C-alpha atoms as a PDB file:
ATOM      1  CA  MET A   1       0.000   0.000   0.000  1.00  0.00           C
ATOM      2  CA  ALA A   2       1.207   3.505  -0.770  1.00  0.00           C
ATOM      3  CA  THR A   3       2.183   5.903   2.008  1.00  0.00           C
ATOM      4  CA  CYS A   4       1.584   9.616   2.289  1.00  0.00           C
ATOM      5  CA  PRO A   5       4.769  11.590   1.662  1.00  0.00           C
ATOM      6  CA  ARG A   6       3.851  14.141   4.341  1.00  0.00           C
ATOM      7  CA  CYS A   7       2.697  12.098   7.343  1.00  0.00           C
ATOM      8  CA  LYS A   8       3.826   8.595   6.298  1.00  0.00           C
ATOM      9  CA  GLY A   9       0.328   7.202   6.889  1.00  0.00           C
ATOM     10  CA  HIS A  10      -1.545   4.772   4.652  1.00  0.00           C
ATOM     11  CA  LEU A  11      -2.686   6.565   1.508  1.00  0.00           C
ATOM     12  CA  THR A  12      -6.309   5.511   1.086  1.00  0.00           C
ATOM     13  CA  ASP A  13      -9.135   7.241  -0.778  1.00  0.00           C
ATOM     14  CA  GLY A  14     -10.294   9.136   2.315  1.00  0.00           C
ATOM     15  CA  HIS A  15      -6.834   9.973   3.680  1.00  0.00           C
ATOM     16  CA  ARG A  16      -6.374  13.249   5.535  1.00  0.00           C
ATOM     17  CA  CYS A  17      -3.108  14.166   7.219  1.00  0.00           C
ATOM     18  CA  PRO A  18      -3.393  14.893  10.958  1.00  0.00           C
ATOM     19  CA  ARG A  19      -3.239  18.495  12.045  1.00  0.00           C
ATOM     20  CA  ARG A  20      -0.007  20.001  13.282  1.00  0.00           C
ATOM     21  CA  ARG A  21       0.932  19.767  16.959  1.00  0.00           C
ATOM     22  CA  GLY A  22       1.026  23.545  17.375  1.00  0.00           C
ATOM     23  CA  LEU A  23      -2.575  23.935  16.281  1.00  0.00           C
ATOM     24  CA  ILE A  24      -3.678  21.143  18.583  1.00  0.00           C
ATOM     25  CA  ALA A  25      -1.847  22.741  21.530  1.00  0.00           C
ATOM     26  CA  LEU A  26      -3.393  26.120  20.699  1.00  0.00           C
ATOM     27  CA  GLU A  27      -6.868  24.559  20.554  1.00  0.00           C
ATOM     28  CA  ILE A  28      -6.374  22.870  23.939  1.00  0.00           C
ATOM     29  CA  ALA A  29      -5.068  26.094  25.518  1.00  0.00           C
ATOM     30  CA  ALA A  30      -7.979  28.147  24.155  1.00  0.00           C
ATOM     31  CA  CYS A  31     -10.436  25.545  25.397  1.00  0.00           C
ATOM     32  CA  ALA A  32      -8.844  25.551  28.861  1.00  0.00           C
ATOM     33  CA  ILE A  33      -8.926  29.345  29.120  1.00  0.00           C
ATOM     34  CA  GLY A  34     -12.540  29.465  27.941  1.00  0.00           C
ATOM     35  CA  GLY A  35     -13.573  26.747  30.396  1.00  0.00           C
ATOM     36  CA  GLY A  36     -11.781  28.493  33.228  1.00  0.00           C
ATOM     37  CA  PHE A  37     -13.507  31.806  32.583  1.00  0.00           C
ATOM     38  CA  LEU A  38     -16.863  30.064  32.256  1.00  0.00           C
ATOM     39  CA  ALA A  39     -16.282  28.439  35.647  1.00  0.00           C
ATOM     40  CA  LEU A  40     -15.451  31.839  37.149  1.00  0.00           C
ATOM     41  CA  LEU A  41     -18.668  33.264  35.720  1.00  0.00           C
ATOM     42  CA  LEU A  42     -20.662  30.372  37.180  1.00  0.00           C
ATOM     43  CA  LEU A  43     -19.011  30.918  40.560  1.00  0.00           C
ATOM     44  CA  ALA A  44     -19.892  34.618  40.434  1.00  0.00           C
ATOM     45  CA  ALA A  45     -23.477  33.809  39.434  1.00  0.00           C
ATOM     46  CA  PHE A  46     -24.077  31.286  42.214  1.00  0.00           C
ATOM     47  CA  ASP A  47     -22.179  33.255  44.885  1.00  0.00           C
ATOM     48  CA  PRO A  48     -23.102  36.925  44.327  1.00  0.00           C
ATOM     49  CA  HIS A  49     -22.218  37.998  47.878  1.00  0.00           C
ATOM     50  CA  GLY A  50     -18.742  36.465  47.824  1.00  0.00           C
ATOM     51  CA  GLN A  51     -19.263  34.087  50.744  1.00  0.00           C
ATOM     52  CA  VAL A  52     -17.008  31.440  49.213  1.00  0.00           C
ATOM     53  CA  THR A  53     -13.495  32.773  49.646  1.00  0.00           C
ATOM     54  CA  ASP A  54     -10.352  31.615  47.869  1.00  0.00           C
ATOM     55  CA  MET A  55     -12.275  29.508  45.354  1.00  0.00           C
ATOM     56  CA  ASP A  56     -11.300  31.520  42.272  1.00  0.00           C
ATOM     57  CA  ALA A  57      -8.214  29.494  41.376  1.00  0.00           C
ATOM     58  CA  VAL A  58      -9.891  26.190  42.205  1.00  0.00           C
ATOM     59  CA  SER A  59     -12.921  26.960  40.058  1.00  0.00           C
ATOM     60  CA  PHE A  60     -10.733  28.183  37.180  1.00  0.00           C
ATOM     61  CA  LEU A  61      -8.628  25.012  37.237  1.00  0.00           C
ATOM     62  CA  ALA A  62     -11.658  22.743  37.563  1.00  0.00           C
ATOM     63  CA  GLY A  63     -13.412  24.496  34.682  1.00  0.00           C
ATOM     64  CA  ALA A  64     -10.296  24.268  32.536  1.00  0.00           C
ATOM     65  CA  LEU A  65      -9.876  20.555  33.221  1.00  0.00           C
ATOM     66  CA  VAL A  66     -13.529  19.794  32.518  1.00  0.00           C
ATOM     67  CA  ALA A  67     -13.490  21.820  29.299  1.00  0.00           C
ATOM     68  CA  VAL A  68     -10.328  20.135  28.013  1.00  0.00           C
ATOM     69  CA  GLY A  69     -11.712  16.721  28.961  1.00  0.00           C
ATOM     70  CA  ILE A  70     -14.946  17.334  27.085  1.00  0.00           C
ATOM     71  CA  ASN A  71     -13.067  18.717  24.092  1.00  0.00           C
ATOM     72  CA  ARG A  72     -10.726  15.722  23.878  1.00  0.00           C
ATOM     73  CA  ALA A  73     -13.617  13.271  24.336  1.00  0.00           C
ATOM     74  CA  LEU A  74     -15.568  14.867  21.504  1.00  0.00           C
ATOM     75  CA  ARG A  75     -12.504  14.946  19.236  1.00  0.00           C
ATOM     76  CA  ALA A  76     -11.665  11.251  19.636  1.00  0.00           C
END
């Protein structure tokens, strides 16, 4: 079977080369930042009086991890 000269994969009728690593890393970073800010907005919406202290970083990280997890699950 023939191989693709660019990615060295099997050259079939429906062959598409995988995207570059830089674009994938940029997509993951953008998804993490978006998920983190969405989590901060949800925290602000459910805690308008600021009773939960020191949860900003935790909510940002949790939102980022959830967003990246969902993105990777949908991409697979």
